């Protein structure tokens, strides 16, 4: 049984991601943990109403949140009515990232699925800050669903890589599983800058070719192109509707996700993307 964490702030964006999750895994037995976190409410002396204390307001906030997460659970059961799925609702007085770290560990979560607003202006970062903090701090895969993206079967999957991924990374099997379940075609893309692959990278390429031998997959290479531009161009050309990357902190991933967008061009993905932690991140 899959154990999937679904954080929510009760926004349409968050519910859209939850809806995507239950449809993506509609044929798989899953236990979904719907999580909402809240932090202290700032109250000035002049804003105190009917002598409510901060503890009173905290209780009210908790009760309201518990009611809302139950409404989400009831709505999912009504809309999708899937016997494969069970739901656990959770409300916590904590920051989102800190609570997710704890829940992932205690509940042995397989991965997180969450909504992300992404870039909204010409100089925004690649994806939303909450999503980025989740990816940086959790030792499990994260699937981020952009605002407004309605579920569609991930048939064409793009996997950009610098071939620095560790062969022992246990989450490579998640990619294979995703492709097999959806009969997807996997596109492995390497963006080079006139620098030949090292022997180790060539060995990784060979390993991936063998690892995905039972999955429809193609290898692509593009040269002398900005990484983000290459991804955006490839996505449009090949009608990609799902993106996968490995979180390599030392270069590839950090350069991509923290790169500022200039010249009035907004580089951000409008398709779901899966980020799996690197071997180093898992073992930290």
C-alpha atoms as a PDB file:
ATOM      1  CA  UNK A   1       0.000   0.000   0.000  1.00  0.00           C
ATOM      2  CA  UNK A   2       1.234   3.461  -0.907  1.00  0.00           C
ATOM      3  CA  UNK A   3       1.356   6.058   1.849  1.00  0.00           C
ATOM      4  CA  UNK A   4       1.029   9.518   0.333  1.00  0.00           C
ATOM      5  CA  UNK A   5       1.129  12.866   2.135  1.00  0.00           C
ATOM      6  CA  UNK A   6      -1.159  15.609   0.828  1.00  0.00           C
ATOM      7  CA  UNK A   7      -0.562  19.025   2.440  1.00  0.00           C
ATOM      8  CA  UNK A   8      -3.342  21.573   2.128  1.00  0.00           C
ATOM      9  CA  UNK A   9      -3.878  25.226   2.954  1.00  0.00           C
ATOM     10  CA  UNK A  10      -7.516  24.902   1.840  1.00  0.00           C
ATOM     11  CA  UNK A  11      -6.818  26.750  -1.399  1.00  0.00           C
ATOM     12  CA  UNK A  12      -8.134  25.726  -4.803  1.00  0.00           C
ATOM     13  CA  UNK A  13      -4.535  25.070  -5.792  1.00  0.00           C
ATOM     14  CA  UNK A  14      -4.053  22.577  -2.958  1.00  0.00           C
ATOM     15  CA  UNK A  15      -7.316  20.757  -3.684  1.00  0.00           C
ATOM     16  CA  UNK A  16      -6.400  20.537  -7.354  1.00  0.00           C
ATOM     17  CA  UNK A  17      -3.190  18.712  -6.377  1.00  0.00           C
ATOM     18  CA  UNK A  18      -5.112  16.359  -4.094  1.00  0.00           C
ATOM     19  CA  UNK A  19      -7.543  15.627  -6.913  1.00  0.00           C
ATOM     20  CA  UNK A  20      -4.626  14.881  -9.221  1.00  0.00           C
ATOM     21  CA  UNK A  21      -3.143  12.510  -6.634  1.00  0.00           C
ATOM     22  CA  UNK A  22      -6.234  10.362  -6.199  1.00  0.00           C
ATOM     23  CA  UNK A  23      -6.656  10.104  -9.972  1.00  0.00           C
ATOM     24  CA  UNK A  24      -3.005   9.298 -10.629  1.00  0.00           C
ATOM     25  CA  UNK A  25      -3.201   6.410  -8.165  1.00  0.00           C
ATOM     26  CA  UNK A  26      -6.812   5.408  -8.710  1.00  0.00           C
ATOM     27  CA  UNK A  27      -5.889   1.763  -9.384  1.00  0.00           C
ATOM     28  CA  UNK A  28      -3.455   1.462  -6.462  1.00  0.00           C
ATOM     29  CA  UNK A  29      -4.276   0.821  -2.814  1.00  0.00           C
ATOM     30  CA  UNK A  30      -3.269   4.012  -1.034  1.00  0.00           C
ATOM     31  CA  UNK A  31      -3.494   5.616   2.363  1.00  0.00           C
ATOM     32  CA  UNK A  32      -3.641   9.382   1.898  1.00  0.00           C
ATOM     33  CA  UNK A  33      -2.672  11.653   4.783  1.00  0.00           C
ATOM     34  CA  UNK A  34      -4.354  15.046   4.348  1.00  0.00           C
ATOM     35  CA  UNK A  35      -2.305  17.527   6.396  1.00  0.00           C
ATOM     36  CA  UNK A  36      -2.977  21.113   7.406  1.00  0.00           C
ATOM     37  CA  UNK A  37      -0.660  23.099   9.651  1.00  0.00           C
ATOM     38  CA  UNK A  38      -1.222  26.404  11.386  1.00  0.00           C
ATOM     39  CA  UNK A  39       0.986  28.763  13.373  1.00  0.00           C
ATOM     40  CA  UNK A  40       0.278  31.371  16.099  1.00  0.00           C
ATOM     41  CA  UNK A  41      -2.053  34.172  15.117  1.00  0.00           C
ATOM     42  CA  UNK A  42      -0.597  37.619  15.680  1.00  0.00           C
ATOM     43  CA  UNK A  43      -3.025  39.642  17.754  1.00  0.00           C
ATOM     44  CA  UNK A  44      -2.623  43.261  18.797  1.00  0.00           C
ATOM     45  CA  UNK A  45      -4.272  44.637  21.922  1.00  0.00           C
ATOM     46  CA  UNK A  46      -6.765  46.550  19.818  1.00  0.00           C
ATOM     47  CA  UNK A  47      -7.823  43.484  17.890  1.00  0.00           C
ATOM     48  CA  UNK A  48      -8.938  41.444  20.898  1.00  0.00           C
ATOM     49  CA  UNK A  49     -12.598  40.688  20.552  1.00  0.00           C
ATOM     50  CA  UNK A  50     -14.832  39.595  23.444  1.00  0.00           C
ATOM     51  CA  UNK A  51     -11.732  39.068  25.564  1.00  0.00           C
ATOM     52  CA  UNK A  52     -10.583  36.082  23.488  1.00  0.00           C
ATOM     53  CA  UNK A  53      -7.143  34.934  24.549  1.00  0.00           C
ATOM     54  CA  UNK A  54      -4.572  33.642  22.114  1.00  0.00           C
ATOM     55  CA  UNK A  55      -5.377  30.155  23.401  1.00  0.00           C
ATOM     56  CA  UNK A  56      -9.055  30.634  22.586  1.00  0.00           C
ATOM     57  CA  UNK A  57      -8.187  31.707  19.065  1.00  0.00           C
ATOM     58  CA  UNK A  58      -5.797  28.787  18.718  1.00  0.00           C
ATOM     59  CA  UNK A  59      -8.607  26.395  19.654  1.00  0.00           C
ATOM     60  CA  UNK A  60     -10.944  28.081  17.193  1.00  0.00           C
ATOM     61  CA  UNK A  61      -8.304  27.845  14.465  1.00  0.00           C
ATOM     62  CA  UNK A  62      -7.777  24.163  15.191  1.00  0.00           C
ATOM     63  CA  UNK A  63     -11.493  23.360  15.220  1.00  0.00           C
ATOM     64  CA  UNK A  64     -12.013  25.233  11.956  1.00  0.00           C
ATOM     65  CA  UNK A  65      -9.106  23.421  10.336  1.00  0.00           C
ATOM     66  CA  UNK A  66     -10.330  20.027  11.521  1.00  0.00           C
ATOM     67  CA  UNK A  67     -13.742  20.752  10.039  1.00  0.00           C
ATOM     68  CA  UNK A  68     -12.233  21.811   6.715  1.00  0.00           C
ATOM     69  CA  UNK A  69      -9.954  18.791   6.319  1.00  0.00           C
ATOM     70  CA  UNK A  70     -12.944  16.551   7.096  1.00  0.00           C
ATOM     71  CA  UNK A  71     -14.879  18.358   4.367  1.00  0.00           C
ATOM     72  CA  UNK A  72     -12.028  17.614   1.953  1.00  0.00           C
ATOM     73  CA  UNK A  73     -12.121  13.932   2.922  1.00  0.00           C
ATOM     74  CA  UNK A  74     -15.893  13.756   2.487  1.00  0.00           C
ATOM     75  CA  UNK A  75     -15.673  15.541  -0.850  1.00  0.00           C
ATOM     76  CA  UNK A  76     -13.069  13.101  -2.161  1.00  0.00           C
ATOM     77  CA  UNK A  77     -15.117  10.106  -1.088  1.00  0.00           C
ATOM     78  CA  UNK A  78     -18.179  11.537  -2.816  1.00  0.00           C
ATOM     79  CA  UNK A  79     -16.437  12.649  -6.020  1.00  0.00           C
ATOM     80  CA  UNK A  80     -14.180   9.633  -6.577  1.00  0.00           C
ATOM     81  CA  UNK A  81     -15.708   6.845  -4.429  1.00  0.00           C
ATOM     82  CA  UNK A  82     -12.633   4.612  -4.675  1.00  0.00           C
ATOM     83  CA  UNK A  83     -12.427   1.485  -2.509  1.00  0.00           C
ATOM     84  CA  UNK A  84      -8.652   1.439  -3.025  1.00  0.00           C
ATOM     85  CA  UNK A  85      -8.247   4.651  -1.061  1.00  0.00           C
ATOM     86  CA  UNK A  86      -8.405   5.459   2.629  1.00  0.00           C
ATOM     87  CA  UNK A  87      -7.898   8.916   4.111  1.00  0.00           C
ATOM     88  CA  UNK A  88      -6.352  10.125   7.343  1.00  0.00           C
ATOM     89  CA  UNK A  89      -6.863  13.785   8.257  1.00  0.00           C
ATOM     90  CA  UNK A  90      -4.233  15.613  10.281  1.00  0.00           C
ATOM     91  CA  UNK A  91      -4.154  19.117  11.774  1.00  0.00           C
ATOM     92  CA  UNK A  92      -1.012  20.349  13.512  1.00  0.00           C
ATOM     93  CA  UNK A  93       0.164  23.464  15.312  1.00  0.00           C
ATOM     94  CA  UNK A  94       3.487  23.719  13.493  1.00  0.00           C
ATOM     95  CA  UNK A  95       5.181  25.073  10.412  1.00  0.00           C
ATOM     96  CA  UNK A  96       4.405  23.120   7.258  1.00  0.00           C
ATOM     97  CA  UNK A  97       7.936  21.972   6.478  1.00  0.00           C
ATOM     98  CA  UNK A  98       8.737  20.915  10.047  1.00  0.00           C
ATOM     99  CA  UNK A  99       5.526  18.954  10.371  1.00  0.00           C
ATOM    100  CA  UNK A 100       6.011  17.218   7.032  1.00  0.00           C
ATOM    101  CA  UNK A 101       9.499  16.118   8.032  1.00  0.00           C
ATOM    102  CA  UNK A 102       8.009  14.504  11.148  1.00  0.00           C
ATOM    103  CA  UNK A 103       5.055  12.929   9.367  1.00  0.00           C
ATOM    104  CA  UNK A 104       7.219  11.494   6.583  1.00  0.00           C
ATOM    105  CA  UNK A 105       9.362   9.779   9.196  1.00  0.00           C
ATOM    106  CA  UNK A 106       6.641   8.595  11.586  1.00  0.00           C
ATOM    107  CA  UNK A 107       4.160   7.428   8.959  1.00  0.00           C
ATOM    108  CA  UNK A 108       6.796   6.052   6.560  1.00  0.00           C
ATOM    109  CA  UNK A 109       5.442   8.214   3.757  1.00  0.00           C
ATOM    110  CA  UNK A 110       6.391   7.075   0.250  1.00  0.00           C
ATOM    111  CA  UNK A 111       6.087  10.520  -1.274  1.00  0.00           C
ATOM    112  CA  UNK A 112       4.378  13.901  -1.107  1.00  0.00           C
ATOM    113  CA  UNK A 113       1.993  15.382  -3.661  1.00  0.00           C
ATOM    114  CA  UNK A 114       1.336  19.112  -3.353  1.00  0.00           C
ATOM    115  CA  UNK A 115       0.243  22.124  -5.341  1.00  0.00           C
ATOM    116  CA  UNK A 116       2.617  24.861  -6.399  1.00  0.00           C
ATOM    117  CA  UNK A 117       1.893  28.321  -7.736  1.00  0.00           C
ATOM    118  CA  UNK A 118       5.182  28.572  -9.574  1.00  0.00           C
ATOM    119  CA  UNK A 119       6.534  31.720 -11.147  1.00  0.00           C
ATOM    120  CA  UNK A 120       4.079  34.567 -11.618  1.00  0.00           C
ATOM    121  CA  UNK A 121       6.329  37.386 -12.770  1.00  0.00           C
ATOM    122  CA  UNK A 122       9.311  37.969 -14.972  1.00  0.00           C
ATOM    123  CA  UNK A 123      11.835  37.808 -12.141  1.00  0.00           C
ATOM    124  CA  UNK A 124      10.255  35.115  -9.994  1.00  0.00           C
ATOM    125  CA  UNK A 125      12.047  31.909  -9.060  1.00  0.00           C
ATOM    126  CA  UNK A 126      11.285  28.705 -10.911  1.00  0.00           C
ATOM    127  CA  UNK A 127       8.698  27.344  -8.479  1.00  0.00           C
ATOM    128  CA  UNK A 128       6.898  28.378  -5.313  1.00  0.00           C
ATOM    129  CA  UNK A 129       8.877  28.818  -2.116  1.00  0.00           C
ATOM    130  CA  UNK A 130       6.811  26.316  -0.087  1.00  0.00           C
ATOM    131  CA  UNK A 131       7.450  23.659  -2.698  1.00  0.00           C
ATOM    132  CA  UNK A 132      11.137  24.452  -2.793  1.00  0.00           C
ATOM    133  CA  UNK A 133      11.465  24.224   0.984  1.00  0.00           C
ATOM    134  CA  UNK A 134       9.649  20.898   0.934  1.00  0.00           C
ATOM    135  CA  UNK A 135      11.996  19.509  -1.696  1.00  0.00           C
ATOM    136  CA  UNK A 136      15.085  20.753   0.123  1.00  0.00           C
ATOM    137  CA  UNK A 137      14.109  19.388   3.538  1.00  0.00           C
ATOM    138  CA  UNK A 138      12.336  16.105   2.880  1.00  0.00           C
ATOM    139  CA  UNK A 139      14.143  12.857   2.153  1.00  0.00           C
ATOM    140  CA  UNK A 140      11.382  11.484   0.007  1.00  0.00           C
ATOM    141  CA  UNK A 141      10.089  12.223  -3.505  1.00  0.00           C
ATOM    142  CA  UNK A 142       7.801  15.187  -4.071  1.00  0.00           C
ATOM    143  CA  UNK A 143       5.302  15.558  -6.902  1.00  0.00           C
ATOM    144  CA  UNK A 144       4.311  19.188  -7.471  1.00  0.00           C
ATOM    145  CA  UNK A 145       1.149  20.047  -9.382  1.00  0.00           C
ATOM    146  CA  UNK A 146       0.996  23.539 -10.947  1.00  0.00           C
ATOM    147  CA  UNK A 147      -2.051  25.723 -10.451  1.00  0.00           C
ATOM    148  CA  UNK A 148      -4.920  24.880 -12.735  1.00  0.00           C
ATOM    149  CA  UNK A 149      -3.435  21.692 -14.152  1.00  0.00           C
ATOM    150  CA  UNK A 150      -6.235  19.181 -14.513  1.00  0.00           C
ATOM    151  CA  UNK A 151      -5.426  15.502 -14.402  1.00  0.00           C
ATOM    152  CA  UNK A 152      -4.284  13.805 -17.561  1.00  0.00           C
ATOM    153  CA  UNK A 153      -2.466  10.535 -17.849  1.00  0.00           C
ATOM    154  CA  UNK A 154       1.326  11.142 -17.852  1.00  0.00           C
ATOM    155  CA  UNK A 155       1.976   9.649 -21.270  1.00  0.00           C
ATOM    156  CA  UNK A 156       5.116  11.566 -22.287  1.00  0.00           C
ATOM    157  CA  UNK A 157       7.597  11.954 -19.423  1.00  0.00           C
ATOM    158  CA  UNK A 158      10.748  14.077 -19.561  1.00  0.00           C
ATOM    159  CA  UNK A 159      13.745  13.171 -17.392  1.00  0.00           C
ATOM    160  CA  UNK A 160      16.548  15.769 -17.745  1.00  0.00           C
ATOM    161  CA  UNK A 161      19.778  14.481 -16.248  1.00  0.00           C
ATOM    162  CA  UNK A 162      23.473  15.215 -16.096  1.00  0.00           C
ATOM    163  CA  UNK A 163      24.081  11.482 -15.527  1.00  0.00           C
ATOM    164  CA  UNK A 164      25.357  12.176 -12.029  1.00  0.00           C
ATOM    165  CA  UNK A 165      22.574  10.148 -10.465  1.00  0.00           C
ATOM    166  CA  UNK A 166      23.699   7.329  -8.194  1.00  0.00           C
ATOM    167  CA  UNK A 167      22.817   3.894  -9.524  1.00  0.00           C
ATOM    168  CA  UNK A 168      21.809   2.777  -6.028  1.00  0.00           C
ATOM    169  CA  UNK A 169      19.163   5.495  -5.659  1.00  0.00           C
ATOM    170  CA  UNK A 170      16.144   3.573  -4.416  1.00  0.00           C
ATOM    171  CA  UNK A 171      13.707   6.001  -5.965  1.00  0.00           C
ATOM    172  CA  UNK A 172      14.662   5.184  -9.541  1.00  0.00           C
ATOM    173  CA  UNK A 173      12.149   2.371  -9.215  1.00  0.00           C
ATOM    174  CA  UNK A 174       9.435   5.016  -8.720  1.00  0.00           C
ATOM    175  CA  UNK A 175      10.138   6.332 -12.225  1.00  0.00           C
ATOM    176  CA  UNK A 176       9.920   2.839 -13.678  1.00  0.00           C
ATOM    177  CA  UNK A 177       6.709   2.169 -11.769  1.00  0.00           C
ATOM    178  CA  UNK A 178       5.150   5.433 -12.953  1.00  0.00           C
ATOM    179  CA  UNK A 179       5.994   4.647 -16.584  1.00  0.00           C
ATOM    180  CA  UNK A 180       4.741   1.077 -16.382  1.00  0.00           C
ATOM    181  CA  UNK A 181       1.460   1.983 -14.695  1.00  0.00           C
ATOM    182  CA  UNK A 182       0.654   4.669 -17.267  1.00  0.00           C
ATOM    183  CA  UNK A 183       2.233   3.027 -20.310  1.00  0.00           C
ATOM    184  CA  UNK A 184       4.368   6.157 -20.594  1.00  0.00           C
ATOM    185  CA  UNK A 185       7.262   6.951 -22.873  1.00  0.00           C
ATOM    186  CA  UNK A 186      10.321   8.235 -21.028  1.00  0.00           C
ATOM    187  CA  UNK A 187      12.552  10.870 -22.626  1.00  0.00           C
ATOM    188  CA  UNK A 188      16.020  11.068 -21.040  1.00  0.00           C
ATOM    189  CA  UNK A 189      17.529  14.463 -21.867  1.00  0.00           C
ATOM    190  CA  UNK A 190      21.126  15.535 -21.393  1.00  0.00           C
ATOM    191  CA  UNK A 191      22.082  19.178 -21.937  1.00  0.00           C
ATOM    192  CA  UNK A 192      25.790  19.508 -22.608  1.00  0.00           C
ATOM    193  CA  UNK A 193      28.034  22.525 -23.113  1.00  0.00           C
ATOM    194  CA  UNK A 194      30.635  21.175 -25.525  1.00  0.00           C
ATOM    195  CA  UNK A 195      31.988  18.994 -22.717  1.00  0.00           C
ATOM    196  CA  UNK A 196      32.157  15.263 -23.476  1.00  0.00           C
ATOM    197  CA  UNK A 197      30.602  12.906 -20.975  1.00  0.00           C
ATOM    198  CA  UNK A 198      32.993  11.480 -18.420  1.00  0.00           C
ATOM    199  CA  UNK A 199      33.465   7.734 -18.253  1.00  0.00           C
ATOM    200  CA  UNK A 200      31.305   7.565 -15.127  1.00  0.00           C
ATOM    201  CA  UNK A 201      28.533   9.502 -16.850  1.00  0.00           C
ATOM    202  CA  UNK A 202      28.670   7.199 -19.870  1.00  0.00           C
ATOM    203  CA  UNK A 203      28.401   4.245 -17.521  1.00  0.00           C
ATOM    204  CA  UNK A 204      25.339   5.802 -15.910  1.00  0.00           C
ATOM    205  CA  UNK A 205      23.753   6.312 -19.316  1.00  0.00           C
ATOM    206  CA  UNK A 206      24.325   2.627 -20.104  1.00  0.00           C
ATOM    207  CA  UNK A 207      22.909   1.677 -16.713  1.00  0.00           C
ATOM    208  CA  UNK A 208      19.753   3.724 -17.306  1.00  0.00           C
ATOM    209  CA  UNK A 209      19.302   2.174 -20.739  1.00  0.00           C
ATOM    210  CA  UNK A 210      19.347  -1.263 -19.152  1.00  0.00           C
ATOM    211  CA  UNK A 211      17.308  -0.227 -16.095  1.00  0.00           C
ATOM    212  CA  UNK A 212      14.462   1.012 -18.312  1.00  0.00           C
ATOM    213  CA  UNK A 213      14.706  -1.790 -20.862  1.00  0.00           C
ATOM    214  CA  UNK A 214      11.090  -2.818 -20.243  1.00  0.00           C
ATOM    215  CA  UNK A 215       9.932   0.788 -20.538  1.00  0.00           C
ATOM    216  CA  UNK A 216       9.606   2.721 -23.770  1.00  0.00           C
ATOM    217  CA  UNK A 217      12.456   5.214 -23.524  1.00  0.00           C
ATOM    218  CA  UNK A 218      14.577   7.452 -25.712  1.00  0.00           C
ATOM    219  CA  UNK A 219      17.850   9.284 -25.088  1.00  0.00           C
ATOM    220  CA  UNK A 220      18.233  12.859 -26.286  1.00  0.00           C
ATOM    221  CA  UNK A 221      21.132  15.277 -26.231  1.00  0.00           C
ATOM    222  CA  UNK A 222      21.172  19.003 -26.829  1.00  0.00           C
ATOM    223  CA  UNK A 223      24.249  21.207 -26.920  1.00  0.00           C
ATOM    224  CA  UNK A 224      25.060  24.825 -26.179  1.00  0.00           C
ATOM    225  CA  UNK A 225      21.657  25.657 -24.778  1.00  0.00           C
ATOM    226  CA  UNK A 226      20.536  27.115 -21.492  1.00  0.00           C
ATOM    227  CA  UNK A 227      19.226  24.321 -19.303  1.00  0.00           C
ATOM    228  CA  UNK A 228      15.817  25.814 -18.612  1.00  0.00           C
ATOM    229  CA  UNK A 229      15.368  26.847 -22.239  1.00  0.00           C
ATOM    230  CA  UNK A 230      16.223  23.322 -23.313  1.00  0.00           C
ATOM    231  CA  UNK A 231      13.591  21.853 -21.006  1.00  0.00           C
ATOM    232  CA  UNK A 232      10.908  24.327 -22.068  1.00  0.00           C
ATOM    233  CA  UNK A 233      11.651  23.808 -25.773  1.00  0.00           C
ATOM    234  CA  UNK A 234      11.741  20.037 -25.482  1.00  0.00           C
ATOM    235  CA  UNK A 235       8.513  20.022 -23.493  1.00  0.00           C
ATOM    236  CA  UNK A 236       6.676  21.915 -26.216  1.00  0.00           C
ATOM    237  CA  UNK A 237       8.158  19.946 -29.096  1.00  0.00           C
ATOM    238  CA  UNK A 238       7.427  16.513 -27.651  1.00  0.00           C
ATOM    239  CA  UNK A 239       4.134  17.328 -25.887  1.00  0.00           C
ATOM    240  CA  UNK A 240       5.575  16.424 -22.496  1.00  0.00           C
ATOM    241  CA  UNK A 241       2.996  16.282 -19.706  1.00  0.00           C
ATOM    242  CA  UNK A 242       5.157  15.137 -16.774  1.00  0.00           C
ATOM    243  CA  UNK A 243       8.647  16.143 -15.684  1.00  0.00           C
ATOM    244  CA  UNK A 244      11.099  14.227 -13.468  1.00  0.00           C
ATOM    245  CA  UNK A 245      14.333  15.426 -11.929  1.00  0.00           C
ATOM    246  CA  UNK A 246      16.821  14.312  -9.305  1.00  0.00           C
ATOM    247  CA  UNK A 247      17.790  16.802  -6.615  1.00  0.00           C
ATOM    248  CA  UNK A 248      21.533  17.098  -7.130  1.00  0.00           C
ATOM    249  CA  UNK A 249      22.447  19.818  -4.665  1.00  0.00           C
ATOM    250  CA  UNK A 250      25.940  20.363  -5.985  1.00  0.00           C
ATOM    251  CA  UNK A 251      24.996  21.776  -9.366  1.00  0.00           C
ATOM    252  CA  UNK A 252      22.287  20.665 -11.745  1.00  0.00           C
ATOM    253  CA  UNK A 253      19.138  20.977  -9.678  1.00  0.00           C
ATOM    254  CA  UNK A 254      20.101  24.046  -7.664  1.00  0.00           C
ATOM    255  CA  UNK A 255      21.168  25.905 -10.786  1.00  0.00           C
ATOM    256  CA  UNK A 256      17.865  25.133 -12.413  1.00  0.00           C
ATOM    257  CA  UNK A 257      15.451  25.941  -9.624  1.00  0.00           C
ATOM    258  CA  UNK A 258      17.130  29.008  -8.177  1.00  0.00           C
ATOM    259  CA  UNK A 259      18.086  30.623 -11.437  1.00  0.00           C
ATOM    260  CA  UNK A 260      16.531  34.093 -11.695  1.00  0.00           C
ATOM    261  CA  UNK A 261      14.480  34.728 -14.801  1.00  0.00           C
ATOM    262  CA  UNK A 262      15.505  37.795 -16.752  1.00  0.00           C
ATOM    263  CA  UNK A 263      14.700  39.613 -19.996  1.00  0.00           C
ATOM    264  CA  UNK A 264      10.955  39.415 -19.330  1.00  0.00           C
ATOM    265  CA  UNK A 265      10.946  35.644 -19.919  1.00  0.00           C
ATOM    266  CA  UNK A 266       9.229  33.422 -17.395  1.00  0.00           C
ATOM    267  CA  UNK A 267      10.740  29.968 -17.248  1.00  0.00           C
ATOM    268  CA  UNK A 268       8.473  27.774 -15.220  1.00  0.00           C
ATOM    269  CA  UNK A 269       6.776  24.487 -15.745  1.00  0.00           C
ATOM    270  CA  UNK A 270       3.037  24.265 -16.283  1.00  0.00           C
ATOM    271  CA  UNK A 271       3.028  20.478 -15.989  1.00  0.00           C
ATOM    272  CA  UNK A 272       3.354  18.211 -12.946  1.00  0.00           C
ATOM    273  CA  UNK A 273       6.882  17.346 -11.920  1.00  0.00           C
ATOM    274  CA  UNK A 274       8.431  14.749  -9.689  1.00  0.00           C
ATOM    275  CA  UNK A 275      11.623  15.495  -7.774  1.00  0.00           C
ATOM    276  CA  UNK A 276      13.456  12.574  -6.229  1.00  0.00           C
ATOM    277  CA  UNK A 277      16.203  13.128  -3.644  1.00  0.00           C
ATOM    278  CA  UNK A 278      19.773  12.318  -4.515  1.00  0.00           C
ATOM    279  CA  UNK A 279      21.562   9.471  -2.763  1.00  0.00           C
ATOM    280  CA  UNK A 280      23.555  12.022  -0.748  1.00  0.00           C
ATOM    281  CA  UNK A 281      20.372  13.761   0.384  1.00  0.00           C
ATOM    282  CA  UNK A 282      18.770  10.455   1.417  1.00  0.00           C
ATOM    283  CA  UNK A 283      21.790   9.512   3.524  1.00  0.00           C
ATOM    284  CA  UNK A 284      22.190  12.864   5.290  1.00  0.00           C
END
